[in-house]
Amino acid sequence: MIKKIVLFSLLISLFSCGEYQKVLKSSDANYKYEMAVKYYENGDFNRAMPLFRELTTMLRATKKSEEVIYYLAYCHYNNGDFITSSYLFKNYIKTFPNGSHVEECSYMGAYCVYLESPSYSLDATYTKKAIDELQQFINMYPISDNKPKCEELISELHNKLALKSFENAKQYYTTQYYKSAIIALNNVLIDYPGNKYREEIHFLILKSSYELAIKSISTKVEERLNNTLDAFLVFNDNYPESKYIKQAEKINQQTTESINKLKK
């Protein structure tokens, strides 16, 4: 029984290969188009792709040329080639500015760039490019059904950039360059005001302020301790239920005691 199943599968495979070779060799553009669509709809993108690529020339300046480029872009997309698919989606828009898939291709062109955005620790070129292109889509189609998704993706990408900047800033704290840490951490807050690491950033600013103060020369200690009190007030006002609140309160208490000693 198993041998029969294997034999049947082999025959189907051979027939399928023979059929595909017939399609490849055919000079009938309409037949080729019908079979390319059939392969595409069956999820056989590797077979559909060469056919659509050939049809871009065979069906140029015909009514079907628009659909050919559209399908070809999705073939590359479904095969995970996002750089090429992004180019093809954008090429569709340039070639058919009044086409029936313009809005969809505009979104997909930007979305493919988003999919190329790497880990936060790597080069951020594609991350920034994706933010720009997704925002351009929102500006062009403000009432699109894809607008909420674009906003969600932009937020995710901003958080990725913020994390990269935050990790760099934390290195100053780790290596005890507290003044530089305070500047870098504040820059993260300025550059990425809606980032999801704000609570930890404010806490590290507080810790850096305290460490900087107690390690300063005598003429600057009191001023920097007062800066630490200010940093605590900002943290406490914004995150009264924070998981860092007990540590923050301890720093505030130590700071207050240090200031009182200085005054005495």
Protein backbone atom coordinates (compact mmCIF):
# COMPACT_ATOMS: atom_id res chain seq x y z
CA MET A 1 0.00 0.00 0.00
CA ILE A 2 2.82 2.37 0.94
CA LYS A 3 4.64 1.56 -2.33
CA LYS A 4 1.50 2.45 -4.29
CA ILE A 5 1.20 5.79 -2.50
CA VAL A 6 4.87 6.61 -3.18
CA LEU A 7 4.49 5.59 -6.83
CA PHE A 8 1.34 7.68 -7.20
CA SER A 9 3.07 10.70 -5.65
CA LEU A 10 6.03 10.25 -8.00
CA LEU A 11 3.74 10.11 -11.04
CA ILE A 12 1.94 13.28 -9.89
CA SER A 13 5.30 15.01 -9.42
CA LEU A 14 6.51 13.95 -12.89
CA PHE A 15 3.24 15.07 -14.47
CA SER A 16 3.48 18.38 -12.62
CA CYS A 17 7.06 18.93 -13.83
CA GLY A 18 6.07 18.07 -17.37
CA GLU A 19 3.14 20.44 -17.23
CA TYR A 20 5.33 23.24 -15.90
CA GLN A 21 7.92 22.74 -18.65
CA LYS A 22 5.10 22.98 -21.16
CA VAL A 23 4.01 26.30 -19.64
CA LEU A 24 7.57 27.64 -19.64
CA LYS A 25 8.07 26.80 -23.32
CA SER A 26 4.69 28.14 -24.41
CA SER A 27 4.58 31.35 -26.44
CA ASP A 28 0.91 31.88 -25.57
CA ALA A 29 0.98 34.80 -23.15
CA ASN A 30 -2.64 34.37 -22.04
CA TYR A 31 -2.11 30.67 -21.28
CA LYS A 32 1.08 31.51 -19.41
CA TYR A 33 -0.78 34.15 -17.39
CA GLU A 34 -3.61 31.77 -16.47
CA MET A 35 -1.14 29.11 -15.30
CA ALA A 36 0.95 31.66 -13.39
CA VAL A 37 -2.16 32.78 -11.51
CA LYS A 38 -3.07 29.13 -10.87
CA TYR A 39 0.37 28.40 -9.40
CA TYR A 40 0.17 31.57 -7.33
CA GLU A 41 -3.24 30.74 -5.90
CA ASN A 42 -1.98 27.25 -5.01
CA GLY A 43 0.89 28.82 -3.08
CA ASP A 44 3.51 27.62 -5.57
CA PHE A 45 5.34 30.96 -5.74
CA ASN A 46 8.60 29.47 -7.02
CA ARG A 47 6.85 28.37 -10.21
CA ALA A 48 4.64 31.42 -10.52
CA MET A 49 7.51 33.89 -10.17
CA PRO A 50 9.49 33.09 -13.37
CA LEU A 51 6.26 33.13 -15.35
CA PHE A 52 5.18 36.54 -14.06
CA ARG A 53 8.70 37.85 -14.61
CA GLU A 54 8.58 36.76 -18.27
CA LEU A 55 5.05 38.13 -18.62
CA THR A 56 6.20 41.64 -17.62
CA THR A 57 7.69 41.79 -21.13
CA MET A 58 5.16 39.65 -22.98
CA LEU A 59 2.13 41.53 -21.66
CA ARG A 60 3.64 45.02 -21.50
CA ALA A 61 1.18 47.77 -22.48
CA THR A 62 -1.77 45.38 -22.12
CA LYS A 63 -4.59 45.41 -19.57
CA LYS A 64 -2.99 42.47 -17.76
CA SER A 65 0.41 44.13 -17.26
CA GLU A 66 -0.85 45.83 -14.08
CA GLU A 67 -1.82 42.49 -12.52
CA VAL A 68 1.44 40.89 -13.61
CA ILE A 69 3.57 43.37 -11.63
CA TYR A 70 1.15 43.11 -8.70
CA TYR A 71 1.42 39.31 -8.59
CA LEU A 72 5.19 39.37 -9.10
CA ALA A 73 5.62 41.68 -6.10
CA TYR A 74 3.61 39.30 -3.93
CA CYS A 75 5.58 36.30 -5.18
CA HIS A 76 8.78 37.88 -3.85
CA TYR A 77 6.97 38.92 -0.65
CA ASN A 78 5.68 35.40 0.01
CA ASN A 79 9.17 34.01 -0.60
CA GLY A 80 10.60 36.38 2.04
CA ASP A 81 12.48 38.63 -0.39
CA PHE A 82 11.23 41.86 1.16
CA ILE A 83 13.75 44.22 -0.45
CA THR A 84 12.77 43.14 -3.97
CA SER A 85 9.07 43.04 -3.15
CA SER A 86 9.21 46.55 -1.70
CA TYR A 87 10.84 47.77 -4.92
CA LEU A 88 8.19 46.02 -7.05
CA PHE A 89 5.27 47.39 -5.00
CA LYS A 90 6.70 50.89 -5.45
CA ASN A 91 7.34 50.24 -9.12
CA TYR A 92 3.67 49.30 -9.51
CA ILE A 93 2.69 52.73 -8.12
CA LYS A 94 5.06 54.54 -10.50
CA THR A 95 3.90 52.53 -13.50
CA PHE A 96 0.18 52.59 -12.66
CA PRO A 97 -0.46 55.71 -10.54
CA ASN A 98 -4.21 55.27 -11.06
CA GLY A 99 -4.19 51.48 -10.72
CA SER A 100 -6.68 49.55 -8.64
CA HIS A 101 -4.00 48.40 -6.13
CA VAL A 102 -2.19 51.71 -5.53
CA GLU A 103 -3.14 52.13 -1.85
CA GLU A 104 -2.44 48.48 -1.06
CA CYS A 105 0.94 48.58 -2.84
CA SER A 106 1.84 51.82 -1.07
CA TYR A 107 1.24 50.13 2.28
CA MET A 108 3.03 46.91 1.30
CA GLY A 109 6.04 48.83 -0.02
CA ALA A 110 6.46 50.45 3.41
CA TYR A 111 5.58 47.26 5.30
CA CYS A 112 8.31 45.32 3.47
CA VAL A 113 10.87 47.91 4.61
CA TYR A 114 9.57 47.41 8.17
CA LEU A 115 10.15 43.66 7.82
CA GLU A 116 13.78 44.39 6.92
CA SER A 117 14.34 46.35 10.14
CA PRO A 118 16.93 44.36 12.12
CA SER A 119 17.51 43.88 15.84
CA TYR A 120 17.88 47.13 17.80
CA SER A 121 21.60 46.50 18.32
CA LEU A 122 22.34 46.49 14.57
CA ASP A 123 22.42 49.28 11.97
CA ALA A 124 19.25 51.39 12.21
CA THR A 125 19.07 52.49 8.54
CA TYR A 126 16.09 50.31 7.64
CA THR A 127 14.37 51.09 10.94
CA LYS A 128 14.46 54.83 10.23
CA LYS A 129 13.52 54.27 6.58
CA ALA A 130 10.51 52.19 7.62
CA ILE A 131 9.32 54.91 10.03
CA ASP A 132 9.52 57.51 7.25
CA GLU A 133 7.69 55.36 4.71
CA LEU A 134 4.94 54.25 7.10
CA GLN A 135 4.39 57.89 8.08
CA GLN A 136 4.23 58.87 4.41
CA PHE A 137 1.52 56.25 3.91
CA ILE A 138 -0.49 57.69 6.83
CA ASN A 139 -0.11 61.20 5.41
CA MET A 140 -1.26 60.04 1.99
CA TYR A 141 -4.13 57.82 3.22
CA PRO A 142 -5.27 59.28 6.58
CA ILE A 143 -8.53 57.31 6.62
CA SER A 144 -7.07 54.00 5.40
CA ASP A 145 -7.93 50.78 7.21
CA ASN A 146 -4.16 50.23 7.47
CA LYS A 147 -3.56 53.48 9.38
CA PRO A 148 -3.88 51.91 12.90
CA LYS A 149 -1.46 49.14 11.91
CA CYS A 150 1.02 51.71 10.57
CA GLU A 151 0.83 53.69 13.81
CA GLU A 152 1.42 50.51 15.79
CA LEU A 153 4.46 49.63 13.66
CA ILE A 154 5.87 53.16 13.92
CA SER A 155 5.55 52.99 17.71
CA GLU A 156 7.34 49.64 17.72
CA LEU A 157 10.15 51.01 15.56
CA HIS A 158 10.51 54.12 17.72
CA ASN A 159 10.85 51.87 20.76
CA LYS A 160 13.53 49.89 18.92
CA LEU A 161 15.50 53.09 18.29
CA ALA A 162 14.88 54.22 21.86
CA LEU A 163 16.20 50.91 23.19
CA LYS A 164 19.36 51.25 21.11
CA SER A 165 19.88 54.79 22.43
CA PHE A 166 18.99 53.71 25.98
CA GLU A 167 21.47 50.81 25.96
CA ASN A 168 24.20 53.18 24.79
CA ALA A 169 23.30 55.64 27.55
CA LYS A 170 23.35 52.88 30.19
CA GLN A 171 26.94 52.13 29.28
CA TYR A 172 27.92 55.50 30.74
CA TYR A 173 26.24 54.57 34.01
CA THR A 174 27.83 51.12 34.04
CA THR A 175 31.29 52.58 33.45
CA GLN A 176 30.69 55.26 36.14
CA TYR A 177 30.66 58.25 33.80
CA TYR A 178 27.67 59.62 35.66
CA LYS A 179 27.62 63.13 34.20
CA SER A 180 27.64 61.71 30.67
CA ALA A 181 25.00 59.17 31.70
CA ILE A 182 22.62 61.93 32.85
CA ILE A 183 23.06 63.83 29.58
CA ALA A 184 22.63 60.71 27.42
CA LEU A 185 19.59 59.46 29.37
CA ASN A 186 17.89 62.85 29.12
CA ASN A 187 18.56 62.84 25.39
CA VAL A 188 16.69 59.54 25.09
CA LEU A 189 13.68 61.17 26.78
CA ILE A 190 13.89 64.15 24.43
CA ASP A 191 14.42 62.15 21.23
CA TYR A 192 11.85 59.44 22.04
CA PRO A 193 9.26 61.02 24.37
CA GLY A 194 6.77 58.15 24.10
CA ASN A 195 9.22 55.29 24.61
CA LYS A 196 8.35 52.44 26.98
CA TYR A 197 11.61 52.66 28.97
CA ARG A 198 10.88 56.03 30.56
CA GLU A 199 10.46 54.68 34.09
CA GLU A 200 13.84 52.97 34.13
CA ILE A 201 15.48 55.95 32.43
CA HIS A 202 14.22 58.35 35.12
CA PHE A 203 15.39 55.95 37.82
CA LEU A 204 18.87 55.73 36.30
CA ILE A 205 18.99 59.53 36.08
CA LEU A 206 18.23 59.62 39.82
CA LYS A 207 20.93 57.04 40.61
CA SER A 208 23.46 58.78 38.37
CA SER A 209 22.70 62.13 40.00
CA TYR A 210 23.33 60.71 43.47
CA GLU A 211 26.53 58.91 42.48
CA LEU A 212 27.80 62.02 40.71
CA ALA A 213 27.05 64.16 43.78
CA ILE A 214 28.76 62.01 46.40
CA LYS A 215 31.84 61.58 44.18
CA SER A 216 32.15 65.30 43.36
CA ILE A 217 34.67 67.79 44.64
CA SER A 218 33.49 69.60 47.79
CA THR A 219 32.45 72.81 46.01
CA LYS A 220 29.95 70.95 43.82
CA VAL A 221 28.54 68.37 46.24
CA GLU A 222 25.66 70.41 47.65
CA GLU A 223 24.48 71.66 44.27
CA ARG A 224 24.49 68.12 42.85
CA LEU A 225 22.75 66.69 45.89
CA ASN A 226 19.98 69.24 45.33
CA ASN A 227 19.81 68.07 41.71
CA THR A 228 19.34 64.55 43.07
CA LEU A 229 16.39 65.72 45.19
CA ASP A 230 14.87 67.25 42.06
CA ALA A 231 15.40 63.99 40.17
CA PHE A 232 13.62 62.11 42.95
CA LEU A 233 10.63 64.49 42.85
CA VAL A 234 10.30 63.95 39.10
CA PHE A 235 10.51 60.17 39.52
CA ASN A 236 8.13 60.04 42.49
CA ASP A 237 5.54 62.29 40.80
CA ASN A 238 5.51 60.17 37.64
CA TYR A 239 5.97 56.67 39.07
CA PRO A 240 4.67 56.52 42.65
CA GLU A 241 3.88 52.80 42.27
CA SER A 242 7.15 51.94 40.53
CA LYS A 243 9.04 48.74 41.29
CA TYR A 244 12.02 51.03 41.91
CA ILE A 245 10.22 53.28 44.39
CA LYS A 246 11.80 51.81 47.55
CA GLN A 247 15.28 52.20 46.11
CA ALA A 248 14.40 55.74 44.99
CA GLU A 249 13.14 56.64 48.48
CA LYS A 250 16.33 55.29 50.02
CA ILE A 251 18.42 57.46 47.68
CA ASN A 252 16.26 60.46 48.56
CA GLN A 253 16.73 59.78 52.30
CA GLN A 254 20.52 59.43 51.92
CA THR A 255 20.62 62.62 49.87
CA THR A 256 18.65 64.56 52.48
CA GLU A 257 20.91 63.29 55.26
CA SER A 258 24.01 64.28 53.29
CA ILE A 259 22.67 67.81 52.74
CA ASN A 260 21.87 68.17 56.47
CA LYS A 261 25.39 67.10 57.38
CA LEU A 262 26.83 69.67 54.99
CA LYS A 263 24.73 72.43 56.55
CA LYS A 264 25.80 71.48 60.07
